[in-house]
PDB file of N, CA and C in Angstrom:
ATOM      1  N   UNK A   1      -1.503 -19.763  14.956  1.00  0.00           N
ATOM      2  CA  UNK A   1       0.160 -19.374  14.005  1.00  0.00           C
ATOM      3  C   UNK A   1       0.290 -19.518  12.973  1.00  0.00           C
ATOM      4  N   UNK A   2      -0.142 -17.499  12.184  1.00  0.00           N
ATOM      5  CA  UNK A   2       0.064 -17.201  10.795  1.00  0.00           C
ATOM      6  C   UNK A   2       1.376 -17.711   9.803  1.00  0.00           C
ATOM      7  N   UNK A   3       1.604 -18.571   8.918  1.00  0.00           N
ATOM      8  CA  UNK A   3       2.479 -18.151   8.419  1.00  0.00           C
ATOM      9  C   UNK A   3       3.563 -18.662   9.839  1.00  0.00           C
ATOM     10  N   UNK A   4       3.734 -19.346  10.306  1.00  0.00           N
ATOM     11  CA  UNK A   4       4.917 -19.889  11.404  1.00  0.00           C
ATOM     12  C   UNK A   4       5.318 -19.202  12.979  1.00  0.00           C
ATOM     13  N   UNK A   5       4.130 -17.698  12.672  1.00  0.00           N
ATOM     14  CA  UNK A   5       4.196 -16.574  13.441  1.00  0.00           C
ATOM     15  C   UNK A   5       3.560 -16.470  14.922  1.00  0.00           C
ATOM     16  N   UNK A   6       4.285 -16.555  16.101  1.00  0.00           N
ATOM     17  CA  UNK A   6       3.322 -17.005  17.093  1.00  0.00           C
ATOM     18  C   UNK A   6       3.247 -15.935  17.955  1.00  0.00           C
ATOM     19  N   UNK A   7       3.639 -14.485  17.138  1.00  0.00           N
ATOM     20  CA  UNK A   7       3.275 -13.473  18.414  1.00  0.00           C
ATOM     21  C   UNK A   7       2.771 -12.657  17.824  1.00  0.00           C
ATOM     22  N   UNK A   8       1.413 -12.303  18.021  1.00  0.00           N
ATOM     23  CA  UNK A   8       0.903 -11.845  17.709  1.00  0.00           C
ATOM     24  C   UNK A   8       0.640 -10.679  17.629  1.00  0.00           C
ATOM     25  N   UNK A   9       1.831  -9.410  17.272  1.00  0.00           N
ATOM     26  CA  UNK A   9       2.452  -8.483  17.279  1.00  0.00           C
ATOM     27  C   UNK A   9       3.319  -8.576  16.084  1.00  0.00           C
ATOM     28  N   UNK A  10       4.244  -9.204  16.053  1.00  0.00           N
ATOM     29  CA  UNK A  10       4.289  -9.591  14.568  1.00  0.00           C
ATOM     30  C   UNK A  10       3.634  -9.891  13.426  1.00  0.00           C
ATOM     31  N   UNK A  11       2.632 -10.923  13.984  1.00  0.00           N
ATOM     32  CA  UNK A  11       1.455 -10.383  12.840  1.00  0.00           C
ATOM     33  C   UNK A  11       0.576  -9.466  12.206  1.00  0.00           C
ATOM     34  N   UNK A  12       0.368  -9.054  13.448  1.00  0.00           N
ATOM     35  CA  UNK A  12      -0.379  -7.670  12.966  1.00  0.00           C
ATOM     36  C   UNK A  12       0.821  -7.326  12.421  1.00  0.00           C
ATOM     37  N   UNK A  13       2.144  -6.736  12.387  1.00  0.00           N
ATOM     38  CA  UNK A  13       3.207  -6.225  11.511  1.00  0.00           C
ATOM     39  C   UNK A  13       2.936  -6.972   9.744  1.00  0.00           C
ATOM     40  N   UNK A  14       2.486  -7.620   9.721  1.00  0.00           N
ATOM     41  CA  UNK A  14       2.917  -8.138   8.912  1.00  0.00           C
ATOM     42  C   UNK A  14       1.523  -8.066   8.121  1.00  0.00           C
ATOM     43  N   UNK A  15       0.052  -8.456   8.475  1.00  0.00           N
ATOM     44  CA  UNK A  15      -0.569  -7.855   8.158  1.00  0.00           C
ATOM     45  C   UNK A  15      -1.068  -6.414   7.165  1.00  0.00           C
ATOM     46  N   UNK A  16      -0.738  -6.076   9.037  1.00  0.00           N
ATOM     47  CA  UNK A  16      -0.925  -4.202   7.731  1.00  0.00           C
ATOM     48  C   UNK A  16       0.540  -4.113   6.889  1.00  0.00           C
ATOM     49  N   UNK A  17       1.328  -4.713   6.407  1.00  0.00           N
ATOM     50  CA  UNK A  17       2.202  -4.323   5.630  1.00  0.00           C
ATOM     51  C   UNK A  17       2.098  -4.887   4.248  1.00  0.00           C
ATOM     52  N   UNK A  18       1.085  -5.478   4.684  1.00  0.00           N
ATOM     53  CA  UNK A  18       0.454  -6.528   3.281  1.00  0.00           C
ATOM     54  C   UNK A  18      -1.113  -5.329   2.806  1.00  0.00           C
ATOM     55  N   UNK A  19      -1.594  -4.989   4.014  1.00  0.00           N
ATOM     56  CA  UNK A  19      -2.707  -4.702   3.650  1.00  0.00           C
ATOM     57  C   UNK A  19      -2.265  -2.874   2.864  1.00  0.00           C
ATOM     58  N   UNK A  20      -1.145  -2.011   2.980  1.00  0.00           N
ATOM     59  CA  UNK A  20      -0.126  -0.544   2.928  1.00  0.00           C
ATOM     60  C   UNK A  20      -0.454  -0.604   1.694  1.00  0.00           C
ATOM     61  N   UNK A  21      -0.025  -2.076   1.075  1.00  0.00           N
ATOM     62  CA  UNK A  21       0.738  -1.980  -0.096  1.00  0.00           C
ATOM     63  C   UNK A  21      -0.346  -2.251  -0.912  1.00  0.00           C
ATOM     64  N   UNK A  22      -1.617  -2.755  -0.473  1.00  0.00           N
ATOM     65  CA  UNK A  22      -2.417  -3.474  -1.126  1.00  0.00           C
ATOM     66  C   UNK A  22      -3.197  -1.965  -1.717  1.00  0.00           C
ATOM     67  N   UNK A  23      -3.500  -1.121  -0.572  1.00  0.00           N
ATOM     68  CA  UNK A  23      -4.356   0.203  -0.243  1.00  0.00           C
ATOM     69  C   UNK A  23      -2.773   0.902  -2.259  1.00  0.00           C
ATOM     70  N   UNK A  24      -2.193   1.156  -1.806  1.00  0.00           N
ATOM     71  CA  UNK A  24      -1.176   2.029  -1.629  1.00  0.00           C
ATOM     72  C   UNK A  24      -0.995   2.051  -4.013  1.00  0.00           C
ATOM     73  N   UNK A  25      -1.026   0.077  -4.370  1.00  0.00           N
ATOM     74  CA  UNK A  25      -1.414  -0.110  -5.104  1.00  0.00           C
ATOM     75  C   UNK A  25      -2.430   0.426  -6.331  1.00  0.00           C
ATOM     76  N   UNK A  26      -3.963   0.059  -5.371  1.00  0.00           N
ATOM     77  CA  UNK A  26      -4.903   0.390  -5.703  1.00  0.00           C
ATOM     78  C   UNK A  26      -4.614   1.939  -5.767  1.00  0.00           C
ATOM     79  N   UNK A  27      -4.654   2.861  -4.748  1.00  0.00           N
ATOM     80  CA  UNK A  27      -4.699   4.053  -5.439  1.00  0.00           C
ATOM     81  C   UNK A  27      -4.141   4.777  -6.505  1.00  0.00           C
ATOM     82  N   UNK A  28      -2.941   3.596  -6.355  1.00  0.00           N
ATOM     83  CA  UNK A  28      -1.874   4.080  -7.798  1.00  0.00           C
ATOM     84  C   UNK A  28      -2.753   3.933  -9.129  1.00  0.00           C
ATOM     85  N   UNK A  29      -3.299   2.885  -9.059  1.00  0.00           N
ATOM     86  CA  UNK A  29      -4.278   2.315 -10.288  1.00  0.00           C
ATOM     87  C   UNK A  29      -4.539   3.722 -10.765  1.00  0.00           C
ATOM     88  N   UNK A  30      -5.639   3.594  -9.641  1.00  0.00           N
ATOM     89  CA  UNK A  30      -6.825   4.060  -9.931  1.00  0.00           C
ATOM     90  C   UNK A  30      -7.188   5.877  -9.984  1.00  0.00           C
ATOM     91  N   UNK A  31      -5.041   6.686  -9.771  1.00  0.00           N
ATOM     92  CA  UNK A  31      -4.701   8.288  -9.509  1.00  0.00           C
ATOM     93  C   UNK A  31      -3.902   8.375 -10.714  1.00  0.00           C
ATOM     94  N   UNK A  32      -3.778   6.981 -11.693  1.00  0.00           N
ATOM     95  CA  UNK A  32      -2.799   7.038 -12.560  1.00  0.00           C
ATOM     96  C   UNK A  32      -2.517   8.383 -13.496  1.00  0.00           C
ATOM     97  N   UNK A  33      -3.779   8.440 -14.091  1.00  0.00           N
ATOM     98  CA  UNK A  33      -4.448   8.831 -15.479  1.00  0.00           C
ATOM     99  C   UNK A  33      -5.089  10.336 -14.421  1.00  0.00           C
ATOM    100  N   UNK A  34      -5.092  11.219 -13.144  1.00  0.00           N
ATOM    101  CA  UNK A  34      -5.611  12.629 -12.921  1.00  0.00           C
ATOM    102  C   UNK A  34      -4.360  13.032 -13.120  1.00  0.00           C
ATOM    103  N   UNK A  35      -4.714  14.611 -13.260  1.00  0.00           N
ATOM    104  CA  UNK A  35      -3.673  14.990 -12.768  1.00  0.00           C
ATOM    105  C   UNK A  35      -3.371  16.025 -13.833  1.00  0.00           C
ATOM    106  N   UNK A  36      -2.881  17.009 -13.844  1.00  0.00           N
ATOM    107  CA  UNK A  36      -2.196  17.982 -14.663  1.00  0.00           C
ATOM    108  C   UNK A  36      -0.797  17.542 -15.269  1.00  0.00           C
ATOM    109  N   UNK A  37      -1.102  17.418 -16.382  1.00  0.00           N
ATOM    110  CA  UNK A  37       0.042  17.060 -17.342  1.00  0.00           C
ATOM    111  C   UNK A  37       0.368  17.810 -18.602  1.00  0.00           C
ATOM    112  N   UNK A  38       0.381  19.355 -17.961  1.00  0.00           N
ATOM    113  CA  UNK A  38       0.623  20.738 -18.849  1.00  0.00           C
ATOM    114  C   UNK A  38       2.077  20.462 -19.108  1.00  0.00           C
ATOM    115  N   UNK A  39       2.823  20.182 -18.191  1.00  0.00           N
ATOM    116  CA  UNK A  39       4.264  20.649 -18.145  1.00  0.00           C
ATOM    117  C   UNK A  39       5.103  20.962 -17.702  1.00  0.00           C
ATOM    118  N   UNK A  40       3.736  21.677 -17.869  1.00  0.00           N
ATOM    119  CA  UNK A  40       4.978  23.273 -16.850  1.00  0.00           C
ATOM    120  C   UNK A  40       5.744  23.271 -15.144  1.00  0.00           C
ATOM    121  N   UNK A  41       6.657  23.865 -15.050  1.00  0.00           N
ATOM    122  CA  UNK A  41       7.372  23.577 -13.795  1.00  0.00           C
ATOM    123  C   UNK A  41       6.897  25.023 -12.775  1.00  0.00           C
ATOM    124  N   UNK A  42       6.119  24.843 -11.718  1.00  0.00           N
ATOM    125  CA  UNK A  42       5.765  25.528 -10.497  1.00  0.00           C
ATOM    126  C   UNK A  42       6.604  26.035 -10.137  1.00  0.00           C
TER     127      UNK A  42
END
């Protein structure tokens, strides 16, 4: 039982949510300064 959650689907959803959040934060940090900063509107 993880954090009081006995249903494995709830535990899986909780862990997946944390994993996706970490992935997005790491991806954002890596790609923060990449890209075109010319200011042109396309």
